[in-house]
Amino acid sequence: MAARVLRAGGAASASGFLRRASPGSLLPGLRKLTSSNNRPREDSWLKSLFVRKVDPRKDAHSNLLAKKETSSLYKLQFHNVKPECLEAYNKICQEVLPKIHEDKHYPCTLVGTWNTWYGEQDQAVHLWRYEGGYPALTEVMNKLKENQEFSEFRKARSNMLLSRKNQLLLEFSFWNEPIPRSGPNIYELRSYQLRPGTMIEWGNYWARAIRFRQDGDEAVGGFFSQIGQLYMVHHLWAYKDLQTREDIRNAAWHKHGWEELVYYTVPLIQEMESRIMIPQKTSPLQ
């Protein structure tokens, strides 16, 4: 009887000790009691307590989110122009870029070319499509090296720029493909820097959210970065004017389900930016 009491008391004391002890305070004792043969198994058990399990993805983001029926690659260019050179910059772009766009010798298309109206000032934005993906991009770049007019254009342009950057993009499978449209329109480029690891989640939510934004034919295209600044998403919208933009965006909040999708996508964003852009005269998107 006394032995049973002692064993019970010892068990109760041990139970109390385990309840009071923190996980860290148990680790030294556990290591002493663990034999070398049992160490991998014991370590695995400990890790299961403190390490979050991750559901592994079985494919690349580009394969899960991009359109399967096309192999188009997009290049988005941002050129910050010296204020005194913006008019001259627009002029040489309007002379040279449409020639590349129209020449069947180059497997690329000028989707749109704009100047930023609200956002970064004295900025030009160009969006190109390369039919055939990376091989098409390489082919165009190699051919342009032999194009004397384009070489002169680049040299003249370099004297007009303060800075420039670009990104290579794929288009989301659930977005409209950008096609030429008549104007006049203003364009909004909404750019989102996502938290790393959240691109699939973003795509799942926006595959449902895009249906709320199709009534006015304002959705032009949706893209995600592959090279350049990563985990970047760009949504391109077209509106008749700023008031129309305001009305369409406000109307979305009256549609059942939109508020919930915004609620879940906002935490995925690290930073966001909106540009209002005016198309140049030669832009296929007017």
Protein backbone atom coordinates (compact mmCIF):
# COMPACT_ATOMS: atom_id res chain seq x y z
CA MET A 1 0.00 0.00 0.00
CA ALA A 2 2.80 2.42 0.90
CA ALA A 3 4.60 1.59 -2.33
CA ARG A 4 1.46 2.34 -4.33
CA VAL A 5 1.09 5.69 -2.53
CA LEU A 6 4.71 6.56 -3.19
CA ARG A 7 4.36 5.65 -6.86
CA ALA A 8 1.19 7.66 -7.12
CA GLY A 9 2.79 10.59 -5.31
CA GLY A 10 5.83 10.37 -7.57
CA ALA A 11 3.62 10.32 -10.64
CA ALA A 12 1.68 13.32 -9.36
CA SER A 13 4.91 15.19 -8.65
CA ALA A 14 6.24 14.35 -12.09
CA SER A 15 2.94 15.43 -13.61
CA GLY A 16 3.12 18.72 -11.73
CA PHE A 17 6.71 19.22 -12.80
CA LEU A 18 5.81 18.66 -16.47
CA ARG A 19 2.95 21.12 -16.22
CA ARG A 20 5.12 23.81 -14.64
CA ALA A 21 8.24 23.31 -16.73
CA SER A 22 8.70 25.21 -19.95
CA PRO A 23 9.63 23.30 -23.16
CA GLY A 24 13.14 24.78 -23.09
CA SER A 25 13.81 23.64 -19.51
CA LEU A 26 13.06 20.03 -20.45
CA LEU A 27 15.51 19.82 -23.33
CA PRO A 28 18.77 19.32 -21.30
CA GLY A 29 17.26 16.48 -19.25
CA LEU A 30 15.78 14.84 -22.31
CA ARG A 31 19.13 14.94 -24.08
CA LYS A 32 20.80 13.13 -21.13
CA LEU A 33 18.15 10.40 -21.11
CA THR A 34 18.26 9.87 -24.85
CA SER A 35 20.63 7.24 -26.18
CA SER A 36 22.56 7.78 -29.39
CA ASN A 37 20.43 5.13 -31.12
CA ASN A 38 17.17 6.90 -30.23
CA ARG A 39 18.37 10.48 -30.89
CA PRO A 40 16.97 10.86 -34.46
CA ARG A 41 13.56 9.61 -33.34
CA GLU A 42 13.56 11.87 -30.24
CA ASP A 43 14.69 14.91 -32.25
CA SER A 44 11.95 14.24 -34.80
CA TRP A 45 9.34 14.14 -32.01
CA LEU A 46 10.61 17.43 -30.55
CA LYS A 47 10.61 19.16 -33.93
CA SER A 48 7.02 18.10 -34.48
CA LEU A 49 6.10 20.12 -31.40
CA PHE A 50 7.79 23.38 -32.33
CA VAL A 51 8.10 23.48 -36.16
CA ARG A 52 5.18 24.54 -38.35
CA LYS A 53 4.41 22.01 -41.05
CA VAL A 54 4.37 23.35 -44.60
CA ASP A 55 2.20 21.89 -47.32
CA PRO A 56 4.67 21.40 -50.19
CA ARG A 57 3.77 22.70 -53.64
CA LYS A 58 4.07 20.18 -56.44
CA ASP A 59 4.67 22.67 -59.23
CA ALA A 60 6.15 26.12 -59.92
CA HIS A 61 3.97 29.20 -59.46
CA SER A 62 4.36 29.99 -63.16
CA ASN A 63 2.80 26.63 -64.12
CA LEU A 64 0.01 26.86 -61.57
CA LEU A 65 -1.05 30.46 -62.27
CA ALA A 66 -0.16 31.27 -65.91
CA LYS A 67 -2.22 30.59 -69.01
CA LYS A 68 -1.62 27.13 -70.44
CA GLU A 69 -2.93 27.89 -73.93
CA THR A 70 -0.32 30.59 -74.60
CA SER A 71 3.39 30.86 -74.00
CA SER A 72 3.54 34.64 -74.08
CA LEU A 73 6.07 36.50 -71.98
CA TYR A 74 5.62 40.18 -71.10
CA LYS A 75 8.19 42.88 -70.46
CA LEU A 76 7.19 45.92 -68.40
CA GLN A 77 9.53 48.93 -68.68
CA PHE A 78 9.65 51.99 -66.45
CA HIS A 79 11.68 54.94 -67.77
CA ASN A 80 12.18 58.02 -65.62
CA VAL A 81 12.85 60.87 -68.03
CA LYS A 82 14.57 64.19 -67.47
CA PRO A 83 11.69 66.70 -67.21
CA GLU A 84 13.10 68.90 -69.97
CA CYS A 85 13.43 65.87 -72.29
CA LEU A 86 9.98 64.27 -71.96
CA GLU A 87 8.57 65.75 -75.18
CA ALA A 88 11.63 64.71 -77.20
CA TYR A 89 11.59 61.26 -75.57
CA ASN A 90 7.93 60.72 -76.52
CA LYS A 91 8.67 61.83 -80.07
CA ILE A 92 11.47 59.32 -80.73
CA CYS A 93 9.45 56.53 -79.07
CA GLN A 94 6.49 57.29 -81.34
CA GLU A 95 8.80 57.11 -84.34
CA VAL A 96 10.69 53.89 -83.54
CA LEU A 97 8.60 51.60 -81.32
CA PRO A 98 5.66 51.19 -83.77
CA LYS A 99 8.11 50.02 -86.46
CA ILE A 100 9.22 47.13 -84.27
CA HIS A 101 5.61 46.40 -83.37
CA GLU A 102 4.53 46.22 -87.02
CA ASP A 103 7.57 44.34 -88.36
CA LYS A 104 6.75 40.61 -88.62
CA HIS A 105 10.49 39.98 -88.49
CA TYR A 106 10.23 40.45 -84.70
CA PRO A 107 8.07 38.00 -82.66
CA CYS A 108 6.89 40.73 -80.30
CA THR A 109 3.98 43.13 -79.91
CA LEU A 110 3.78 46.55 -78.30
CA VAL A 111 0.79 46.13 -75.98
CA GLY A 112 0.76 49.71 -74.71
CA THR A 113 2.90 52.77 -74.08
CA TRP A 114 1.99 55.54 -71.64
CA ASN A 115 3.13 58.57 -69.68
CA THR A 116 2.35 58.60 -65.95
CA TRP A 117 -0.17 61.31 -65.11
CA TYR A 118 -0.56 60.71 -61.37
CA GLY A 119 2.20 58.85 -59.55
CA GLU A 120 5.86 59.21 -60.46
CA GLN A 121 6.13 62.26 -62.71
CA ASP A 122 7.99 62.46 -66.04
CA GLN A 123 7.78 58.70 -66.38
CA ALA A 124 7.13 56.50 -69.41
CA VAL A 125 5.73 52.97 -69.13
CA HIS A 126 5.94 50.41 -71.95
CA LEU A 127 4.41 46.92 -72.05
CA TRP A 128 5.64 44.36 -74.62
CA ARG A 129 4.42 40.84 -75.39
CA TYR A 130 6.78 38.16 -76.73
CA GLU A 131 4.88 35.41 -78.53
CA GLY A 132 6.85 32.25 -77.78
CA GLY A 133 8.26 33.12 -74.37
CA TYR A 134 11.97 33.34 -73.58
CA PRO A 135 13.17 32.11 -77.02
CA ALA A 136 11.17 34.92 -78.65
CA LEU A 137 12.66 37.47 -76.25
CA THR A 138 16.18 36.28 -77.07
CA GLU A 139 15.46 36.36 -80.80
CA VAL A 140 14.15 39.93 -80.65
CA MET A 141 17.11 41.16 -78.62
CA ASN A 142 19.61 39.54 -81.00
CA LYS A 143 17.92 41.03 -84.06
CA LEU A 144 17.70 44.49 -82.50
CA LYS A 145 21.47 44.46 -82.01
CA GLU A 146 21.76 44.44 -85.80
CA ASN A 147 19.15 47.19 -86.26
CA GLN A 148 21.04 50.44 -86.87
CA GLU A 149 18.01 52.67 -86.37
CA PHE A 150 17.28 51.05 -83.00
CA SER A 151 20.91 51.44 -81.93
CA GLU A 152 20.73 55.17 -82.71
CA PHE A 153 17.41 55.35 -80.86
CA ARG A 154 18.92 53.76 -77.75
CA LYS A 155 21.87 56.14 -77.84
CA ALA A 156 19.62 59.20 -78.12
CA ARG A 157 17.28 57.85 -75.45
CA SER A 158 20.10 57.27 -72.95
CA ASN A 159 20.83 60.99 -72.85
CA MET A 160 17.22 61.69 -71.87
CA LEU A 161 16.83 59.25 -68.98
CA LEU A 162 17.44 59.58 -65.26
CA SER A 163 16.87 55.88 -64.56
CA ARG A 164 15.10 52.84 -65.93
CA LYS A 165 14.08 49.36 -64.84
CA ASN A 166 12.14 46.43 -66.25
CA GLN A 167 10.46 43.20 -65.22
CA LEU A 168 9.59 40.02 -67.07
CA LEU A 169 6.03 38.90 -66.40
CA LEU A 170 3.52 36.15 -67.06
CA GLU A 171 -0.21 36.76 -67.27
CA PHE A 172 -2.67 35.24 -64.82
CA SER A 173 -4.81 32.53 -66.38
CA PHE A 174 -8.08 34.08 -65.11
CA TRP A 175 -7.45 37.61 -66.46
CA ASN A 176 -8.35 39.04 -69.84
CA GLU A 177 -5.57 39.05 -72.40
CA PRO A 178 -4.68 42.65 -73.29
CA ILE A 179 -6.01 43.53 -76.74
CA PRO A 180 -6.02 46.88 -78.57
CA ARG A 181 -8.90 49.17 -77.68
CA SER A 182 -10.08 52.53 -78.90
CA GLY A 183 -10.10 55.58 -76.69
CA PRO A 184 -9.98 57.97 -75.19
CA ASN A 185 -9.24 56.18 -71.91
CA ILE A 186 -7.10 56.67 -68.88
CA TYR A 187 -5.26 53.63 -67.52
CA GLU A 188 -4.50 52.62 -63.97
CA LEU A 189 -1.58 50.33 -63.22
CA ARG A 190 -1.96 48.97 -59.70
CA SER A 191 1.23 47.28 -58.50
CA TYR A 192 1.37 45.04 -55.43
CA GLN A 193 4.46 43.80 -53.64
CA LEU A 194 3.32 40.55 -52.01
CA ARG A 195 4.80 38.80 -49.02
CA PRO A 196 7.03 35.92 -50.25
CA GLY A 197 5.12 32.67 -50.37
CA THR A 198 1.66 34.18 -50.90
CA MET A 199 1.40 34.24 -54.72
CA ILE A 200 -0.74 31.08 -54.94
CA GLU A 201 -3.07 32.41 -52.26
CA TRP A 202 -3.37 35.73 -54.11
CA GLY A 203 -4.20 33.91 -57.34
CA ASN A 204 -6.87 31.79 -55.68
CA TYR A 205 -8.64 34.85 -54.27
CA TRP A 206 -8.39 36.96 -57.42
CA ALA A 207 -9.64 34.14 -59.62
CA ARG A 208 -12.94 34.78 -57.81
CA ALA A 209 -12.56 38.53 -57.34
CA ILE A 210 -12.11 39.35 -61.04
CA ARG A 211 -15.74 38.51 -61.80
CA PHE A 212 -16.80 41.52 -59.70
CA ARG A 213 -14.80 43.85 -61.97
CA GLN A 214 -15.96 42.85 -65.46
CA ASP A 215 -19.18 44.86 -65.81
CA GLY A 216 -17.63 47.94 -67.39
CA ASP A 217 -14.98 46.13 -69.45
CA GLU A 218 -12.37 47.89 -67.34
CA ALA A 219 -10.12 44.87 -66.72
CA VAL A 220 -7.25 44.98 -69.24
CA GLY A 221 -4.70 42.50 -67.90
CA GLY A 222 -3.18 40.90 -64.81
CA PHE A 223 0.47 39.85 -64.50
CA PHE A 224 2.99 38.48 -62.01
CA SER A 225 6.75 38.86 -62.11
CA GLN A 226 9.27 36.19 -63.08
CA ILE A 227 12.47 38.23 -63.33
CA GLY A 228 13.22 41.59 -61.75
CA GLN A 229 11.45 42.52 -58.53
CA LEU A 230 9.88 39.23 -57.43
CA TYR A 231 6.47 38.60 -55.88
CA MET A 232 5.17 41.61 -57.80
CA VAL A 233 1.64 41.66 -59.20
CA HIS A 234 0.38 44.24 -61.72
CA HIS A 235 -3.30 44.83 -62.53
CA LEU A 236 -4.03 47.06 -65.53
CA TRP A 237 -7.41 48.82 -65.77
CA ALA A 238 -8.99 51.18 -68.31
CA TYR A 239 -11.54 53.91 -67.51
CA LYS A 240 -13.21 56.70 -69.42
CA ASP A 241 -12.06 59.22 -66.81
CA LEU A 242 -11.27 59.55 -63.10
CA GLN A 243 -14.92 59.93 -62.09
CA THR A 244 -15.85 56.73 -63.95
CA ARG A 245 -13.02 54.98 -62.13
CA GLU A 246 -14.41 56.19 -58.79
CA ASP A 247 -17.95 55.08 -59.65
CA ILE A 248 -16.91 51.59 -60.80
CA ARG A 249 -14.70 50.98 -57.79
CA ASN A 250 -17.44 52.14 -55.39
CA ALA A 251 -20.00 49.90 -57.11
CA ALA A 252 -17.85 46.83 -56.42
CA TRP A 253 -18.38 47.28 -52.67
CA HIS A 254 -22.12 46.78 -53.14
CA LYS A 255 -21.62 43.33 -54.68
CA HIS A 256 -21.93 40.41 -52.30
CA GLY A 257 -18.56 38.73 -51.80
CA TRP A 258 -16.25 41.58 -52.81
CA GLU A 259 -15.69 42.82 -49.26
CA GLU A 260 -14.68 39.33 -48.09
CA LEU A 261 -12.13 38.91 -50.89
CA VAL A 262 -10.56 42.30 -50.13
CA TYR A 263 -10.43 41.37 -46.44
CA TYR A 264 -8.40 38.23 -47.19
CA THR A 265 -6.07 39.68 -49.84
CA VAL A 266 -4.99 42.85 -48.00
CA PRO A 267 -2.82 40.93 -45.44
CA LEU A 268 -0.88 39.37 -48.34
CA ILE A 269 0.42 42.80 -49.45
CA GLN A 270 3.66 44.38 -48.25
CA GLU A 271 3.40 47.50 -50.40
CA MET A 272 1.19 48.82 -53.18
CA GLU A 273 1.22 51.64 -55.70
CA SER A 274 -1.24 53.15 -58.16
CA ARG A 275 -0.29 54.96 -61.37
CA ILE A 276 -2.78 56.82 -63.54
CA MET A 277 -1.42 56.83 -67.09
CA ILE A 278 -2.23 58.54 -70.38
CA PRO A 279 -1.57 56.53 -73.56
CA GLN A 280 0.84 57.92 -76.12
CA LYS A 281 -0.52 58.57 -79.62
CA THR A 282 0.89 55.35 -81.07
CA SER A 283 -0.20 53.05 -78.21
CA PRO A 284 -2.43 50.12 -79.30
CA LEU A 285 -4.27 50.64 -75.99
CA GLN A 286 -5.95 54.03 -76.35
